[in-house]
Each structure stands twice: as structure tokens, then as C-alpha cells.
Amino acid sequence: MQTSTTHPQKAIPLRYFMVVARKGQVTIPAPIREALHIKEGDTIAIELQGDEAKITPISSTLAAGYQSLPALPSSLNWKETEQIAHDEQAENAIQED
């Protein structure tokens, strides 16, 4: 394996201090967004680990979601479809606990 010494990796500070806005919003500093390849409109997950929070970018491409859910029968009306989605969401929430 060849290592290049002409392009050293940029060191990113471990900690940034931000002020929480009125609605609980914070701005992710540009160096962190760049390191995680986060851009406007991207989805991120924030996970609570003890008294710390972990930010993870979520890949949400059409290809990633393609056929990730089984097709519903076309004979269902909106109310039935909504009930199935509600039931599946409740099952997922129970499994996460």
C-alpha cells in the first residue's frame, strides 16, 4: 500500500460549541458537515448514547429504498392502507424498546 505525504488529512477539532435556538435547532459546523458529507436536504440520525448524542448521515436514495417494502394489494382503500402503516410503525416501536 502506498501512502501519500503530499495530501495530509485535515485534522478536525473534536468539539464545537453551539447555541441552541428557540425551537431547539442547532447548526452543524461546516467542517463536521464536510467530514460527514452532509449537505442541505440530507437526512441525519441523532442517537442518544448515555449523556452524549451521535450524529450519523442517513443514505436515502431511491435505489436504497427500492423494493424495501412489500407491495400492498391494490384493492385496499386509503383507510386500510393507513391502518397497515400504523400497525407496522407500532410493531417497530415495540421492537426498539
C-alpha atoms as a PDB file:
ATOM      1  CA  MET A   1       0.000   0.000   0.000  1.00  0.00           C
ATOM      2  CA  GLN A   2       1.346   3.389  -0.979  1.00  0.00           C
ATOM      3  CA  THR A   3       0.918   6.358   1.336  1.00  0.00           C
ATOM      4  CA  SER A   4       0.891   9.916   0.051  1.00  0.00           C
ATOM      5  CA  THR A   5       2.544  12.544   2.195  1.00  0.00           C
ATOM      6  CA  THR A   6       1.586  15.402  -0.139  1.00  0.00           C
ATOM      7  CA  HIS A   7      -2.092  15.427   0.877  1.00  0.00           C
ATOM      8  CA  PRO A   8      -2.256  15.013   4.649  1.00  0.00           C
ATOM      9  CA  GLN A   9      -5.720  14.585   6.134  1.00  0.00           C
ATOM     10  CA  LYS A  10      -7.141  17.739   7.638  1.00  0.00           C
ATOM     11  CA  ALA A  11      -7.447  17.478  11.424  1.00  0.00           C
ATOM     12  CA  ILE A  12     -10.974  18.280  12.588  1.00  0.00           C
ATOM     13  CA  PRO A  13     -11.443  19.668  16.093  1.00  0.00           C
ATOM     14  CA  LEU A  14     -13.205  17.244  18.379  1.00  0.00           C
ATOM     15  CA  ARG A  15     -15.579  19.770  19.870  1.00  0.00           C
ATOM     16  CA  TYR A  16     -17.543  22.795  18.716  1.00  0.00           C
ATOM     17  CA  PHE A  17     -19.733  24.933  20.935  1.00  0.00           C
ATOM     18  CA  MET A  18     -23.102  25.973  19.507  1.00  0.00           C
ATOM     19  CA  VAL A  19     -26.085  27.833  20.877  1.00  0.00           C
ATOM     20  CA  VAL A  20     -29.458  26.098  20.787  1.00  0.00           C
ATOM     21  CA  ALA A  21     -32.092  28.268  19.094  1.00  0.00           C
ATOM     22  CA  ARG A  22     -35.608  28.848  20.415  1.00  0.00           C
ATOM     23  CA  LYS A  23     -37.071  25.813  18.605  1.00  0.00           C
ATOM     24  CA  GLY A  24     -34.229  23.504  19.650  1.00  0.00           C
ATOM     25  CA  GLN A  25     -32.290  23.986  16.426  1.00  0.00           C
ATOM     26  CA  VAL A  26     -28.514  23.945  16.132  1.00  0.00           C
ATOM     27  CA  THR A  27     -26.238  24.493  13.151  1.00  0.00           C
ATOM     28  CA  ILE A  28     -23.784  21.705  12.395  1.00  0.00           C
ATOM     29  CA  PRO A  29     -20.412  23.414  11.829  1.00  0.00           C
ATOM     30  CA  ALA A  30     -19.147  23.324   8.240  1.00  0.00           C
ATOM     31  CA  PRO A  31     -16.020  21.199   8.957  1.00  0.00           C
ATOM     32  CA  ILE A  32     -18.201  18.496  10.541  1.00  0.00           C
ATOM     33  CA  ARG A  33     -20.741  18.641   7.679  1.00  0.00           C
ATOM     34  CA  GLU A  34     -17.898  18.364   5.181  1.00  0.00           C
ATOM     35  CA  ALA A  35     -16.246  15.445   7.004  1.00  0.00           C
ATOM     36  CA  LEU A  36     -19.580  13.577   7.146  1.00  0.00           C
ATOM     37  CA  HIS A  37     -20.565  14.650   3.599  1.00  0.00           C
ATOM     38  CA  ILE A  38     -23.792  16.231   4.879  1.00  0.00           C
ATOM     39  CA  LYS A  39     -25.434  18.766   2.595  1.00  0.00           C
ATOM     40  CA  GLU A  40     -28.678  20.725   2.557  1.00  0.00           C
ATOM     41  CA  GLY A  41     -31.711  18.436   2.379  1.00  0.00           C
ATOM     42  CA  ASP A  42     -29.869  15.341   3.646  1.00  0.00           C
ATOM     43  CA  THR A  43     -31.334  13.210   6.407  1.00  0.00           C
ATOM     44  CA  ILE A  44     -29.365  12.566   9.587  1.00  0.00           C
ATOM     45  CA  ALA A  45     -29.997  10.401  12.629  1.00  0.00           C
ATOM     46  CA  ILE A  46     -29.271  11.639  16.129  1.00  0.00           C
ATOM     47  CA  GLU A  47     -28.807   8.854  18.641  1.00  0.00           C
ATOM     48  CA  LEU A  48     -28.645   9.343  22.399  1.00  0.00           C
ATOM     49  CA  GLN A  49     -25.797   7.338  23.957  1.00  0.00           C
ATOM     50  CA  GLY A  50     -25.823   7.922  27.689  1.00  0.00           C
ATOM     51  CA  ASP A  51     -25.327  11.662  28.110  1.00  0.00           C
ATOM     52  CA  GLU A  52     -23.915  12.141  24.593  1.00  0.00           C
ATOM     53  CA  ALA A  53     -25.514  12.422  21.152  1.00  0.00           C
ATOM     54  CA  LYS A  54     -24.183  10.766  17.995  1.00  0.00           C
ATOM     55  CA  ILE A  55     -24.930  12.243  14.537  1.00  0.00           C
ATOM     56  CA  THR A  56     -24.997   9.847  11.594  1.00  0.00           C
ATOM     57  CA  PRO A  57     -25.806  10.730   7.973  1.00  0.00           C
ATOM     58  CA  ILE A  58     -28.539   8.521   6.513  1.00  0.00           C
ATOM     59  CA  SER A  59     -28.364   7.386   2.917  1.00  0.00           C
ATOM     60  CA  SER A  60     -31.795   7.981   1.452  1.00  0.00           C
ATOM     61  CA  THR A  61     -31.512   7.344  -2.237  1.00  0.00           C
ATOM     62  CA  LEU A  62     -34.236   5.949  -4.416  1.00  0.00           C
ATOM     63  CA  ALA A  63     -32.067   2.910  -5.091  1.00  0.00           C
ATOM     64  CA  ALA A  64     -31.635   2.233  -1.351  1.00  0.00           C
ATOM     65  CA  GLY A  65     -35.387   2.239  -0.791  1.00  0.00           C
ATOM     66  CA  TYR A  66     -36.352   0.358  -3.933  1.00  0.00           C
ATOM     67  CA  GLN A  67     -38.427  -2.717  -3.034  1.00  0.00           C
ATOM     68  CA  SER A  68     -37.565  -2.339   0.648  1.00  0.00           C
ATOM     69  CA  LEU A  69     -41.254  -2.792   1.473  1.00  0.00           C
ATOM     70  CA  PRO A  70     -43.527  -5.463   0.048  1.00  0.00           C
ATOM     71  CA  ALA A  71     -46.172  -4.212  -2.343  1.00  0.00           C
ATOM     72  CA  LEU A  72     -49.651  -3.785  -0.875  1.00  0.00           C
ATOM     73  CA  PRO A  73     -52.642  -5.306  -2.607  1.00  0.00           C
ATOM     74  CA  SER A  74     -54.131  -2.695  -4.917  1.00  0.00           C
ATOM     75  CA  SER A  75     -57.654  -3.381  -3.665  1.00  0.00           C
ATOM     76  CA  LEU A  76     -57.029  -1.618  -0.326  1.00  0.00           C
ATOM     77  CA  ASN A  77     -58.625   1.757   0.262  1.00  0.00           C
ATOM     78  CA  TRP A  78     -56.783   4.677   1.905  1.00  0.00           C
ATOM     79  CA  LYS A  79     -58.081   3.918   5.405  1.00  0.00           C
ATOM     80  CA  GLU A  80     -56.926   0.277   5.200  1.00  0.00           C
ATOM     81  CA  THR A  81     -53.507   1.329   3.914  1.00  0.00           C
ATOM     82  CA  GLU A  82     -53.197   3.880   6.715  1.00  0.00           C
ATOM     83  CA  GLN A  83     -54.094   1.228   9.312  1.00  0.00           C
ATOM     84  CA  ILE A  84     -51.433  -1.169   7.974  1.00  0.00           C
ATOM     85  CA  ALA A  85     -48.790   1.581   8.169  1.00  0.00           C
ATOM     86  CA  HIS A  86     -49.896   2.467  11.712  1.00  0.00           C
ATOM     87  CA  ASP A  87     -49.732  -1.176  12.832  1.00  0.00           C
ATOM     88  CA  GLU A  88     -46.260  -1.666  11.331  1.00  0.00           C
ATOM     89  CA  GLN A  89     -44.998   1.521  12.979  1.00  0.00           C
ATOM     90  CA  ALA A  90     -46.339   0.339  16.346  1.00  0.00           C
ATOM     91  CA  GLU A  91     -44.638  -3.060  15.904  1.00  0.00           C
ATOM     92  CA  ASN A  92     -41.326  -1.356  15.072  1.00  0.00           C
ATOM     93  CA  ALA A  93     -41.595   0.880  18.143  1.00  0.00           C
ATOM     94  CA  ILE A  94     -42.227  -2.136  20.381  1.00  0.00           C
ATOM     95  CA  GLN A  95     -39.220  -3.975  18.927  1.00  0.00           C
ATOM     96  CA  GLU A  96     -36.950  -0.965  19.550  1.00  0.00           C
ATOM     97  CA  ASP A  97     -37.710  -0.947  23.284  1.00  0.00           C
END
